[in-house]
Amino acid sequence: MCMDNAIFNELTFTPHRGSNACIQANKKFDNGYSISVVSGEGMYGNINFDKFNESTFEVAAFDTNSNFIRLTEFDDVIGHQTKNQVTNIMTALRDDPESLRVYESD
């Protein structure tokens, strides 16, 4: 997949639910699909405030009806994703969201 590193920079991280120990960002794409990216204490991601590019993130993806797109075989979210892995998920949601539906049941 072609990586569009600029797409990650479209995320604006803010404190998650009033906690300075967690951050969150959400983005809705023009096609109606969206992504939630979180990191920090109690999340499946670790923030490195000194070297943010080395942080990992928990990701959830949503279809145009705000339903989860299952990103792993057993869960709706995928944890400990690097910046590049988040970028790949964002690019797929923007350009080819059906490619993420490998774990959807019939």
PDB file of N, CA and C in Angstrom:
ATOM      1  N   MET A   1       0.853  -1.176   0.000  1.00  0.00           N
ATOM      2  CA  MET A   1       0.000   0.000   0.000  1.00  0.00           C
ATOM      3  C   MET A   1       0.895   1.233   0.000  1.00  0.00           C
ATOM      4  N   CYS A   2       0.544   2.207  -0.783  1.00  0.00           N
ATOM      5  CA  CYS A   2       1.282   3.455  -0.842  1.00  0.00           C
ATOM      6  C   CYS A   2       1.026   4.252   0.436  1.00  0.00           C
ATOM      7  N   MET A   3       2.097   4.618   1.104  1.00  0.00           N
ATOM      8  CA  MET A   3       1.934   5.356   2.359  1.00  0.00           C
ATOM      9  C   MET A   3       1.913   6.852   2.107  1.00  0.00           C
ATOM     10  N   ASP A   4       0.893   7.501   2.609  1.00  0.00           N
ATOM     11  CA  ASP A   4       0.725   8.944   2.522  1.00  0.00           C
ATOM     12  C   ASP A   4       0.946   9.496   3.928  1.00  0.00           C
ATOM     13  N   ASN A   5       2.227   9.738   4.290  1.00  0.00           N
ATOM     14  CA  ASN A   5       2.549  10.142   5.654  1.00  0.00           C
ATOM     15  C   ASN A   5       1.859  11.428   6.066  1.00  0.00           C
ATOM     16  N   ALA A   6       1.509  12.286   5.132  1.00  0.00           N
ATOM     17  CA  ALA A   6       0.846  13.546   5.473  1.00  0.00           C
ATOM     18  C   ALA A   6      -0.529  13.299   6.077  1.00  0.00           C
ATOM     19  N   ILE A   7      -1.162  12.192   5.740  1.00  0.00           N
ATOM     20  CA  ILE A   7      -2.507  11.921   6.246  1.00  0.00           C
ATOM     21  C   ILE A   7      -2.506  11.782   7.771  1.00  0.00           C
ATOM     22  N   PHE A   8      -1.466  11.207   8.356  1.00  0.00           N
ATOM     23  CA  PHE A   8      -1.389  11.082   9.813  1.00  0.00           C
ATOM     24  C   PHE A   8      -1.380  12.463  10.459  1.00  0.00           C
ATOM     25  N   ASN A   9      -0.738  13.420   9.817  1.00  0.00           N
ATOM     26  CA  ASN A   9      -0.648  14.774  10.362  1.00  0.00           C
ATOM     27  C   ASN A   9      -1.982  15.508  10.340  1.00  0.00           C
ATOM     28  N   GLU A  10      -2.994  14.935   9.685  1.00  0.00           N
ATOM     29  CA  GLU A  10      -4.337  15.516   9.706  1.00  0.00           C
ATOM     30  C   GLU A  10      -5.056  15.220  11.019  1.00  0.00           C
ATOM     31  N   LEU A  11      -4.506  14.309  11.827  1.00  0.00           N
ATOM     32  CA  LEU A  11      -5.086  13.999  13.125  1.00  0.00           C
ATOM     33  C   LEU A  11      -4.720  15.091  14.126  1.00  0.00           C
ATOM     34  N   THR A  12      -5.699  15.565  14.857  1.00  0.00           N
ATOM     35  CA  THR A  12      -5.464  16.539  15.919  1.00  0.00           C
ATOM     36  C   THR A  12      -5.735  15.849  17.249  1.00  0.00           C
ATOM     37  N   PHE A  13      -4.663  15.616  17.996  1.00  0.00           N
ATOM     38  CA  PHE A  13      -4.789  14.916  19.270  1.00  0.00           C
ATOM     39  C   PHE A  13      -5.138  15.891  20.388  1.00  0.00           C
ATOM     40  N   THR A  14      -6.071  15.472  21.232  1.00  0.00           N
ATOM     41  CA  THR A  14      -6.493  16.241  22.395  1.00  0.00           C
ATOM     42  C   THR A  14      -6.525  15.290  23.590  1.00  0.00           C
ATOM     43  N   PRO A  15      -6.591  15.821  24.812  1.00  0.00           N
ATOM     44  CA  PRO A  15      -6.710  14.926  25.967  1.00  0.00           C
ATOM     45  C   PRO A  15      -7.965  14.056  25.840  1.00  0.00           C
ATOM     46  N   HIS A  16      -7.849  12.805  26.213  1.00  0.00           N
ATOM     47  CA  HIS A  16      -8.959  11.853  26.141  1.00  0.00           C
ATOM     48  C   HIS A  16      -9.792  11.945  27.405  1.00  0.00           C
ATOM     49  N   ARG A  17     -11.037  12.340  27.273  1.00  0.00           N
ATOM     50  CA  ARG A  17     -11.985  12.416  28.388  1.00  0.00           C
ATOM     51  C   ARG A  17     -11.394  13.060  29.632  1.00  0.00           C
ATOM     52  N   GLY A  18     -10.731  14.183  29.436  1.00  0.00           N
ATOM     53  CA  GLY A  18     -10.227  14.954  30.563  1.00  0.00           C
ATOM     54  C   GLY A  18      -8.992  14.393  31.226  1.00  0.00           C
ATOM     55  N   SER A  19      -8.362  13.370  30.637  1.00  0.00           N
ATOM     56  CA  SER A  19      -7.173  12.764  31.234  1.00  0.00           C
ATOM     57  C   SER A  19      -5.927  13.206  30.489  1.00  0.00           C
ATOM     58  N   ASN A  20      -4.965  13.753  31.210  1.00  0.00           N
ATOM     59  CA  ASN A  20      -3.691  14.121  30.592  1.00  0.00           C
ATOM     60  C   ASN A  20      -2.825  12.902  30.316  1.00  0.00           C
ATOM     61  N   ALA A  21      -3.243  11.725  30.799  1.00  0.00           N
ATOM     62  CA  ALA A  21      -2.484  10.498  30.590  1.00  0.00           C
ATOM     63  C   ALA A  21      -2.863   9.809  29.283  1.00  0.00           C
ATOM     64  N   CYS A  22      -3.903  10.307  28.584  1.00  0.00           N
ATOM     65  CA  CYS A  22      -4.367   9.706  27.333  1.00  0.00           C
ATOM     66  C   CYS A  22      -4.664  10.806  26.319  1.00  0.00           C
ATOM     67  N   ILE A  23      -4.487  10.459  25.054  1.00  0.00           N
ATOM     68  CA  ILE A  23      -4.828  11.380  23.974  1.00  0.00           C
ATOM     69  C   ILE A  23      -5.768  10.688  23.002  1.00  0.00           C
ATOM     70  N   GLN A  24      -6.504  11.501  22.236  1.00  0.00           N
ATOM     71  CA  GLN A  24      -7.423  10.957  21.237  1.00  0.00           C
ATOM     72  C   GLN A  24      -7.469  11.869  20.024  1.00  0.00           C
ATOM     73  N   ALA A  25      -7.789  11.265  18.894  1.00  0.00           N
ATOM     74  CA  ALA A  25      -8.025  12.010  17.659  1.00  0.00           C
ATOM     75  C   ALA A  25      -9.064  11.255  16.856  1.00  0.00           C
ATOM     76  N   ASN A  26      -9.908  11.987  16.164  1.00  0.00           N
ATOM     77  CA  ASN A  26     -10.923  11.402  15.287  1.00  0.00           C
ATOM     78  C   ASN A  26     -10.861  12.110  13.948  1.00  0.00           C
ATOM     79  N   LYS A  27     -11.132  11.356  12.892  1.00  0.00           N
ATOM     80  CA  LYS A  27     -11.171  11.956  11.564  1.00  0.00           C
ATOM     81  C   LYS A  27     -12.250  11.274  10.752  1.00  0.00           C
ATOM     82  N   LYS A  28     -13.069  12.088  10.097  1.00  0.00           N
ATOM     83  CA  LYS A  28     -14.073  11.572   9.164  1.00  0.00           C
ATOM     84  C   LYS A  28     -13.599  11.915   7.760  1.00  0.00           C
ATOM     85  N   PHE A  29     -13.595  10.917   6.897  1.00  0.00           N
ATOM     86  CA  PHE A  29     -13.147  11.102   5.521  1.00  0.00           C
ATOM     87  C   PHE A  29     -14.311  11.525   4.636  1.00  0.00           C
ATOM     88  N   ASP A  30     -13.991  12.072   3.499  1.00  0.00           N
ATOM     89  CA  ASP A  30     -15.020  12.556   2.571  1.00  0.00           C
ATOM     90  C   ASP A  30     -16.006  11.469   2.165  1.00  0.00           C
ATOM     91  N   ASN A  31     -15.581  10.201   2.189  1.00  0.00           N
ATOM     92  CA  ASN A  31     -16.456   9.099   1.788  1.00  0.00           C
ATOM     93  C   ASN A  31     -17.371   8.641   2.932  1.00  0.00           C
ATOM     94  N   GLY A  32     -17.285   9.286   4.100  1.00  0.00           N
ATOM     95  CA  GLY A  32     -18.151   8.961   5.222  1.00  0.00           C
ATOM     96  C   GLY A  32     -17.568   7.987   6.225  1.00  0.00           C
ATOM     97  N   TYR A  33     -16.461   7.349   5.897  1.00  0.00           N
ATOM     98  CA  TYR A  33     -15.791   6.457   6.835  1.00  0.00           C
ATOM     99  C   TYR A  33     -15.013   7.306   7.839  1.00  0.00           C
ATOM    100  N   SER A  34     -14.746   6.745   9.029  1.00  0.00           N
ATOM    101  CA  SER A  34     -14.029   7.518  10.038  1.00  0.00           C
ATOM    102  C   SER A  34     -13.108   6.629  10.851  1.00  0.00           C
ATOM    103  N   ILE A  35     -12.222   7.290  11.597  1.00  0.00           N
ATOM    104  CA  ILE A  35     -11.227   6.600  12.406  1.00  0.00           C
ATOM    105  C   ILE A  35     -11.129   7.283  13.757  1.00  0.00           C
ATOM    106  N   SER A  36     -10.881   6.471  14.772  1.00  0.00           N
ATOM    107  CA  SER A  36     -10.588   6.949  16.118  1.00  0.00           C
ATOM    108  C   SER A  36      -9.215   6.410  16.487  1.00  0.00           C
ATOM    109  N   VAL A  37      -8.340   7.298  16.967  1.00  0.00           N
ATOM    110  CA  VAL A  37      -6.981   6.927  17.331  1.00  0.00           C
ATOM    111  C   VAL A  37      -6.737   7.422  18.754  1.00  0.00           C
ATOM    112  N   VAL A  38      -6.355   6.513  19.644  1.00  0.00           N
ATOM    113  CA  VAL A  38      -6.099   6.868  21.038  1.00  0.00           C
ATOM    114  C   VAL A  38      -4.762   6.279  21.479  1.00  0.00           C
ATOM    115  N   SER A  39      -4.237   6.825  22.565  1.00  0.00           N
ATOM    116  CA  SER A  39      -3.006   6.297  23.137  1.00  0.00           C
ATOM    117  C   SER A  39      -2.905   6.753  24.576  1.00  0.00           C
ATOM    118  N   GLY A  40      -2.226   5.970  25.379  1.00  0.00           N
ATOM    119  CA  GLY A  40      -1.971   6.360  26.754  1.00  0.00           C
ATOM    120  C   GLY A  40      -2.385   5.321  27.769  1.00  0.00           C
ATOM    121  N   GLU A  41      -2.375   5.727  29.015  1.00  0.00           N
ATOM    122  CA  GLU A  41      -2.676   4.857  30.139  1.00  0.00           C
ATOM    123  C   GLU A  41      -4.059   4.221  29.994  1.00  0.00           C
ATOM    124  N   GLY A  42      -4.106   2.892  30.063  1.00  0.00           N
ATOM    125  CA  GLY A  42      -5.361   2.167  29.948  1.00  0.00           C
ATOM    126  C   GLY A  42      -5.769   1.880  28.517  1.00  0.00           C
ATOM    127  N   MET A  43      -4.994   2.338  27.557  1.00  0.00           N
ATOM    128  CA  MET A  43      -5.276   2.111  26.135  1.00  0.00           C
ATOM    129  C   MET A  43      -4.263   1.096  25.595  1.00  0.00           C
ATOM    130  N   TYR A  44      -4.566   0.565  24.419  1.00  0.00           N
ATOM    131  CA  TYR A  44      -3.632  -0.339  23.751  1.00  0.00           C
ATOM    132  C   TYR A  44      -2.667   0.468  22.888  1.00  0.00           C
ATOM    133  N   GLY A  45      -1.970   1.395  23.546  1.00  0.00           N
ATOM    134  CA  GLY A  45      -0.987   2.230  22.891  1.00  0.00           C
ATOM    135  C   GLY A  45      -0.214   2.984  23.951  1.00  0.00           C
ATOM    136  N   ASN A  46       0.994   3.359  23.632  1.00  0.00           N
ATOM    137  CA  ASN A  46       1.862   4.048  24.574  1.00  0.00           C
ATOM    138  C   ASN A  46       2.344   5.361  23.978  1.00  0.00           C
ATOM    139  N   ILE A  47       2.165   6.434  24.722  1.00  0.00           N
ATOM    140  CA  ILE A  47       2.600   7.751  24.268  1.00  0.00           C
ATOM    141  C   ILE A  47       4.055   7.959  24.655  1.00  0.00           C
ATOM    142  N   ASN A  48       4.832   8.424  23.699  1.00  0.00           N
ATOM    143  CA  ASN A  48       6.189   8.875  23.979  1.00  0.00           C
ATOM    144  C   ASN A  48       6.185  10.372  23.698  1.00  0.00           C
ATOM    145  N   PHE A  49       5.991  11.182  24.743  1.00  0.00           N
ATOM    146  CA  PHE A  49       5.886  12.627  24.561  1.00  0.00           C
ATOM    147  C   PHE A  49       7.191  13.241  24.064  1.00  0.00           C
ATOM    148  N   ASP A  50       8.323  12.626  24.389  1.00  0.00           N
ATOM    149  CA  ASP A  50       9.612  13.156  23.938  1.00  0.00           C
ATOM    150  C   ASP A  50       9.877  12.854  22.465  1.00  0.00           C
ATOM    151  N   LYS A  51       9.445  11.685  22.022  1.00  0.00           N
ATOM    152  CA  LYS A  51       9.612  11.276  20.621  1.00  0.00           C
ATOM    153  C   LYS A  51       8.267  10.741  20.141  1.00  0.00           C
ATOM    154  N   PHE A  52       7.348  11.669  19.826  1.00  0.00           N
ATOM    155  CA  PHE A  52       5.969  11.298  19.507  1.00  0.00           C
ATOM    156  C   PHE A  52       5.897  10.281  18.378  1.00  0.00           C
ATOM    157  N   ASN A  53       6.802  10.361  17.405  1.00  0.00           N
ATOM    158  CA  ASN A  53       6.786   9.424  16.277  1.00  0.00           C
ATOM    159  C   ASN A  53       7.046   7.987  16.716  1.00  0.00           C
ATOM    160  N   GLU A  54       7.543   7.799  17.936  1.00  0.00           N
ATOM    161  CA  GLU A  54       7.792   6.458  18.452  1.00  0.00           C
ATOM    162  C   GLU A  54       6.622   5.941  19.299  1.00  0.00           C
ATOM    163  N   SER A  55       5.557   6.726  19.417  1.00  0.00           N
ATOM    164  CA  SER A  55       4.368   6.304  20.160  1.00  0.00           C
ATOM    165  C   SER A  55       3.662   5.185  19.408  1.00  0.00           C
ATOM    166  N   THR A  56       2.817   4.432  20.138  1.00  0.00           N
ATOM    167  CA  THR A  56       1.938   3.453  19.500  1.00  0.00           C
ATOM    168  C   THR A  56       0.503   3.817  19.848  1.00  0.00           C
ATOM    169  N   PHE A  57      -0.439   3.302  19.061  1.00  0.00           N
ATOM    170  CA  PHE A  57      -1.812   3.771  19.129  1.00  0.00           C
ATOM    171  C   PHE A  57      -2.809   2.614  19.055  1.00  0.00           C
ATOM    172  N   GLU A  58      -3.970   2.839  19.648  1.00  0.00           N
ATOM    173  CA  GLU A  58      -5.118   1.952  19.511  1.00  0.00           C
ATOM    174  C   GLU A  58      -6.043   2.580  18.474  1.00  0.00           C
ATOM    175  N   VAL A  59      -6.515   1.777  17.527  1.00  0.00           N
ATOM    176  CA  VAL A  59      -7.274   2.301  16.396  1.00  0.00           C
ATOM    177  C   VAL A  59      -8.623   1.588  16.274  1.00  0.00           C
ATOM    178  N   ALA A  60      -9.654   2.378  16.005  1.00  0.00           N
ATOM    179  CA  ALA A  60     -10.967   1.851  15.648  1.00  0.00           C
ATOM    180  C   ALA A  60     -11.385   2.521  14.343  1.00  0.00           C
ATOM    181  N   ALA A  61     -12.009   1.752  13.463  1.00  0.00           N
ATOM    182  CA  ALA A  61     -12.475   2.270  12.177  1.00  0.00           C
ATOM    183  C   ALA A  61     -13.984   2.073  12.093  1.00  0.00           C
ATOM    184  N   PHE A  62     -14.662   3.020  11.432  1.00  0.00           N
ATOM    185  CA  PHE A  62     -16.118   3.001  11.360  1.00  0.00           C
ATOM    186  C   PHE A  62     -16.589   3.198   9.925  1.00  0.00           C
ATOM    187  N   ASP A  63     -17.672   2.510   9.572  1.00  0.00           N
ATOM    188  CA  ASP A  63     -18.244   2.667   8.241  1.00  0.00           C
ATOM    189  C   ASP A  63     -19.136   3.906   8.193  1.00  0.00           C
ATOM    190  N   THR A  64     -19.831   4.084   7.102  1.00  0.00           N
ATOM    191  CA  THR A  64     -20.654   5.283   6.914  1.00  0.00           C
ATOM    192  C   THR A  64     -21.867   5.331   7.833  1.00  0.00           C
ATOM    193  N   ASN A  65     -22.201   4.209   8.467  1.00  0.00           N
ATOM    194  CA  ASN A  65     -23.306   4.156   9.431  1.00  0.00           C
ATOM    195  C   ASN A  65     -22.805   4.169  10.872  1.00  0.00           C
ATOM    196  N   SER A  66     -21.531   4.503  11.055  1.00  0.00           N
ATOM    197  CA  SER A  66     -20.874   4.544  12.375  1.00  0.00           C
ATOM    198  C   SER A  66     -20.767   3.177  13.044  1.00  0.00           C
ATOM    199  N   ASN A  67     -20.816   2.113  12.248  1.00  0.00           N
ATOM    200  CA  ASN A  67     -20.591   0.758  12.762  1.00  0.00           C
ATOM    201  C   ASN A  67     -19.108   0.439  12.717  1.00  0.00           C
ATOM    202  N   PHE A  68     -18.632  -0.294  13.739  1.00  0.00           N
ATOM    203  CA  PHE A  68     -17.239  -0.717  13.740  1.00  0.00           C
ATOM    204  C   PHE A  68     -16.921  -1.542  12.503  1.00  0.00           C
ATOM    205  N   ILE A  69     -15.733  -1.354  11.978  1.00  0.00           N
ATOM    206  CA  ILE A  69     -15.146  -2.266  11.005  1.00  0.00           C
ATOM    207  C   ILE A  69     -14.160  -3.097  11.804  1.00  0.00           C
ATOM    208  N   ARG A  70     -14.387  -4.391  11.892  1.00  0.00           N
ATOM    209  CA  ARG A  70     -13.520  -5.258  12.693  1.00  0.00           C
ATOM    210  C   ARG A  70     -12.116  -5.276  12.082  1.00  0.00           C
ATOM    211  N   LEU A  71     -11.133  -4.850  12.875  1.00  0.00           N
ATOM    212  CA  LEU A  71      -9.758  -4.746  12.387  1.00  0.00           C
ATOM    213  C   LEU A  71      -8.886  -5.936  12.763  1.00  0.00           C
ATOM    214  N   THR A  72      -9.380  -6.786  13.649  1.00  0.00           N
ATOM    215  CA  THR A  72      -8.674  -8.016  13.987  1.00  0.00           C
ATOM    216  C   THR A  72      -9.703  -9.143  13.982  1.00  0.00           C
ATOM    217  N   GLU A  73      -9.216 -10.343  14.043  1.00  0.00           N
ATOM    218  CA  GLU A  73     -10.123 -11.493  13.999  1.00  0.00           C
ATOM    219  C   GLU A  73     -11.078 -11.514  15.194  1.00  0.00           C
ATOM    220  N   PHE A  74     -10.623 -11.025  16.343  1.00  0.00           N
ATOM    221  CA  PHE A  74     -11.413 -11.167  17.567  1.00  0.00           C
ATOM    222  C   PHE A  74     -11.862  -9.853  18.198  1.00  0.00           C
ATOM    223  N   ASP A  75     -11.573  -8.719  17.586  1.00  0.00           N
ATOM    224  CA  ASP A  75     -11.907  -7.451  18.226  1.00  0.00           C
ATOM    225  C   ASP A  75     -12.174  -6.380  17.178  1.00  0.00           C
ATOM    226  N   ASP A  76     -12.903  -5.355  17.604  1.00  0.00           N
ATOM    227  CA  ASP A  76     -13.200  -4.230  16.716  1.00  0.00           C
ATOM    228  C   ASP A  76     -12.058  -3.231  16.636  1.00  0.00           C
ATOM    229  N   VAL A  77     -11.140  -3.286  17.587  1.00  0.00           N
ATOM    230  CA  VAL A  77     -10.017  -2.355  17.593  1.00  0.00           C
ATOM    231  C   VAL A  77      -8.721  -3.127  17.415  1.00  0.00           C
ATOM    232  N   ILE A  78      -7.699  -2.400  17.040  1.00  0.00           N
ATOM    233  CA  ILE A  78      -6.364  -2.985  16.920  1.00  0.00           C
ATOM    234  C   ILE A  78      -5.417  -2.092  17.716  1.00  0.00           C
ATOM    235  N   GLY A  79      -4.599  -2.715  18.540  1.00  0.00           N
ATOM    236  CA  GLY A  79      -3.731  -1.966  19.425  1.00  0.00           C
ATOM    237  C   GLY A  79      -2.277  -1.952  19.003  1.00  0.00           C
ATOM    238  N   HIS A  80      -1.536  -1.078  19.670  1.00  0.00           N
ATOM    239  CA  HIS A  80      -0.081  -0.961  19.533  1.00  0.00           C
ATOM    240  C   HIS A  80       0.361  -0.766  18.079  1.00  0.00           C
ATOM    241  N   GLN A  81      -0.365   0.096  17.380  1.00  0.00           N
ATOM    242  CA  GLN A  81      -0.049   0.409  15.991  1.00  0.00           C
ATOM    243  C   GLN A  81       0.932   1.580  15.925  1.00  0.00           C
ATOM    244  N   THR A  82       1.930   1.458  15.081  1.00  0.00           N
ATOM    245  CA  THR A  82       2.888   2.543  14.878  1.00  0.00           C
ATOM    246  C   THR A  82       2.242   3.640  14.031  1.00  0.00           C
ATOM    247  N   LYS A  83       2.912   4.751  13.941  1.00  0.00           N
ATOM    248  CA  LYS A  83       2.441   5.848  13.091  1.00  0.00           C
ATOM    249  C   LYS A  83       2.241   5.354  11.657  1.00  0.00           C
ATOM    250  N   ASN A  84       3.184   4.562  11.142  1.00  0.00           N
ATOM    251  CA  ASN A  84       3.070   4.056   9.773  1.00  0.00           C
ATOM    252  C   ASN A  84       1.886   3.105   9.620  1.00  0.00           C
ATOM    253  N   GLN A  85       1.617   2.285  10.624  1.00  0.00           N
ATOM    254  CA  GLN A  85       0.476   1.376  10.553  1.00  0.00           C
ATOM    255  C   GLN A  85      -0.845   2.145  10.612  1.00  0.00           C
ATOM    256  N   VAL A  86      -0.903   3.191  11.448  1.00  0.00           N
ATOM    257  CA  VAL A  86      -2.100   4.036  11.491  1.00  0.00           C
ATOM    258  C   VAL A  86      -2.290   4.709  10.135  1.00  0.00           C
ATOM    259  N   THR A  87      -1.197   5.182   9.547  1.00  0.00           N
ATOM    260  CA  THR A  87      -1.250   5.812   8.232  1.00  0.00           C
ATOM    261  C   THR A  87      -1.820   4.854   7.196  1.00  0.00           C
ATOM    262  N   ASN A  88      -1.408   3.587   7.240  1.00  0.00           N
ATOM    263  CA  ASN A  88      -1.932   2.590   6.295  1.00  0.00           C
ATOM    264  C   ASN A  88      -3.429   2.385   6.470  1.00  0.00           C
ATOM    265  N   ILE A  89      -3.897   2.327   7.718  1.00  0.00           N
ATOM    266  CA  ILE A  89      -5.334   2.155   7.970  1.00  0.00           C
ATOM    267  C   ILE A  89      -6.092   3.384   7.482  1.00  0.00           C
ATOM    268  N   MET A  90      -5.569   4.573   7.763  1.00  0.00           N
ATOM    269  CA  MET A  90      -6.219   5.809   7.316  1.00  0.00           C
ATOM    270  C   MET A  90      -6.301   5.864   5.790  1.00  0.00           C
ATOM    271  N   THR A  91      -5.216   5.483   5.124  1.00  0.00           N
ATOM    272  CA  THR A  91      -5.195   5.504   3.663  1.00  0.00           C
ATOM    273  C   THR A  91      -6.217   4.524   3.099  1.00  0.00           C
ATOM    274  N   ALA A  92      -6.324   3.344   3.714  1.00  0.00           N
ATOM    275  CA  ALA A  92      -7.316   2.360   3.265  1.00  0.00           C
ATOM    276  C   ALA A  92      -8.728   2.888   3.489  1.00  0.00           C
ATOM    277  N   LEU A  93      -8.994   3.502   4.629  1.00  0.00           N
ATOM    278  CA  LEU A  93     -10.327   4.055   4.885  1.00  0.00           C
ATOM    279  C   LEU A  93     -10.682   5.128   3.864  1.00  0.00           C
ATOM    280  N   ARG A  94      -9.729   5.928   3.504  1.00  0.00           N
ATOM    281  CA  ARG A  94      -9.965   7.009   2.545  1.00  0.00           C
ATOM    282  C   ARG A  94     -10.124   6.487   1.119  1.00  0.00           C
ATOM    283  N   ASP A  95      -9.270   5.528   0.720  1.00  0.00           N
ATOM    284  CA  ASP A  95      -9.182   5.127  -0.688  1.00  0.00           C
ATOM    285  C   ASP A  95      -9.878   3.812  -1.030  1.00  0.00           C
ATOM    286  N   ASP A  96      -9.897   2.858  -0.094  1.00  0.00           N
ATOM    287  CA  ASP A  96     -10.437   1.529  -0.373  1.00  0.00           C
ATOM    288  C   ASP A  96     -10.920   0.879   0.922  1.00  0.00           C
ATOM    289  N   PRO A  97     -11.966   1.430   1.541  1.00  0.00           N
ATOM    290  CA  PRO A  97     -12.391   0.920   2.844  1.00  0.00           C
ATOM    291  C   PRO A  97     -12.801  -0.549   2.841  1.00  0.00           C
ATOM    292  N   GLU A  98     -13.264  -1.054   1.728  1.00  0.00           N
ATOM    293  CA  GLU A  98     -13.655  -2.467   1.661  1.00  0.00           C
ATOM    294  C   GLU A  98     -12.458  -3.385   1.893  1.00  0.00           C
ATOM    295  N   SER A  99     -11.238  -2.913   1.645  1.00  0.00           N
ATOM    296  CA  SER A  99     -10.050  -3.727   1.863  1.00  0.00           C
ATOM    297  C   SER A  99      -9.829  -4.046   3.339  1.00  0.00           C
ATOM    298  N   LEU A 100     -10.463  -3.289   4.236  1.00  0.00           N
ATOM    299  CA  LEU A 100     -10.327  -3.534   5.673  1.00  0.00           C
ATOM    300  C   LEU A 100     -11.325  -4.549   6.214  1.00  0.00           C
ATOM    301  N   ARG A 101     -12.240  -4.993   5.401  1.00  0.00           N
ATOM    302  CA  ARG A 101     -13.318  -5.863   5.865  1.00  0.00           C
ATOM    303  C   ARG A 101     -12.953  -7.354   5.804  1.00  0.00           C
ATOM    304  N   VAL A 102     -11.694  -7.694   5.998  1.00  0.00           N
ATOM    305  CA  VAL A 102     -11.276  -9.083   5.913  1.00  0.00           C
ATOM    306  C   VAL A 102     -11.820  -9.932   7.047  1.00  0.00           C
ATOM    307  N   TYR A 103     -12.196  -9.331   8.165  1.00  0.00           N
ATOM    308  CA  TYR A 103     -12.695 -10.091   9.308  1.00  0.00           C
ATOM    309  C   TYR A 103     -14.207 -10.000   9.481  1.00  0.00           C
ATOM    310  N   GLU A 104     -14.885  -9.386   8.543  1.00  0.00           N
ATOM    311  CA  GLU A 104     -16.344  -9.266   8.632  1.00  0.00           C
ATOM    312  C   GLU A 104     -16.981 -10.608   8.335  1.00  0.00           C
ATOM    313  N   SER A 105     -18.014 -10.944   9.092  1.00  0.00           N
ATOM    314  CA  SER A 105     -18.733 -12.197   8.845  1.00  0.00           C
ATOM    315  C   SER A 105     -19.838 -11.974   7.826  1.00  0.00           C
ATOM    316  N   ASP A 106     -20.209 -13.017   7.150  1.00  0.00           N
ATOM    317  CA  ASP A 106     -21.288 -12.927   6.145  1.00  0.00           C
ATOM    318  C   ASP A 106     -22.639 -12.935   6.798  1.00  0.00           C
TER     319      ASP A 106
END
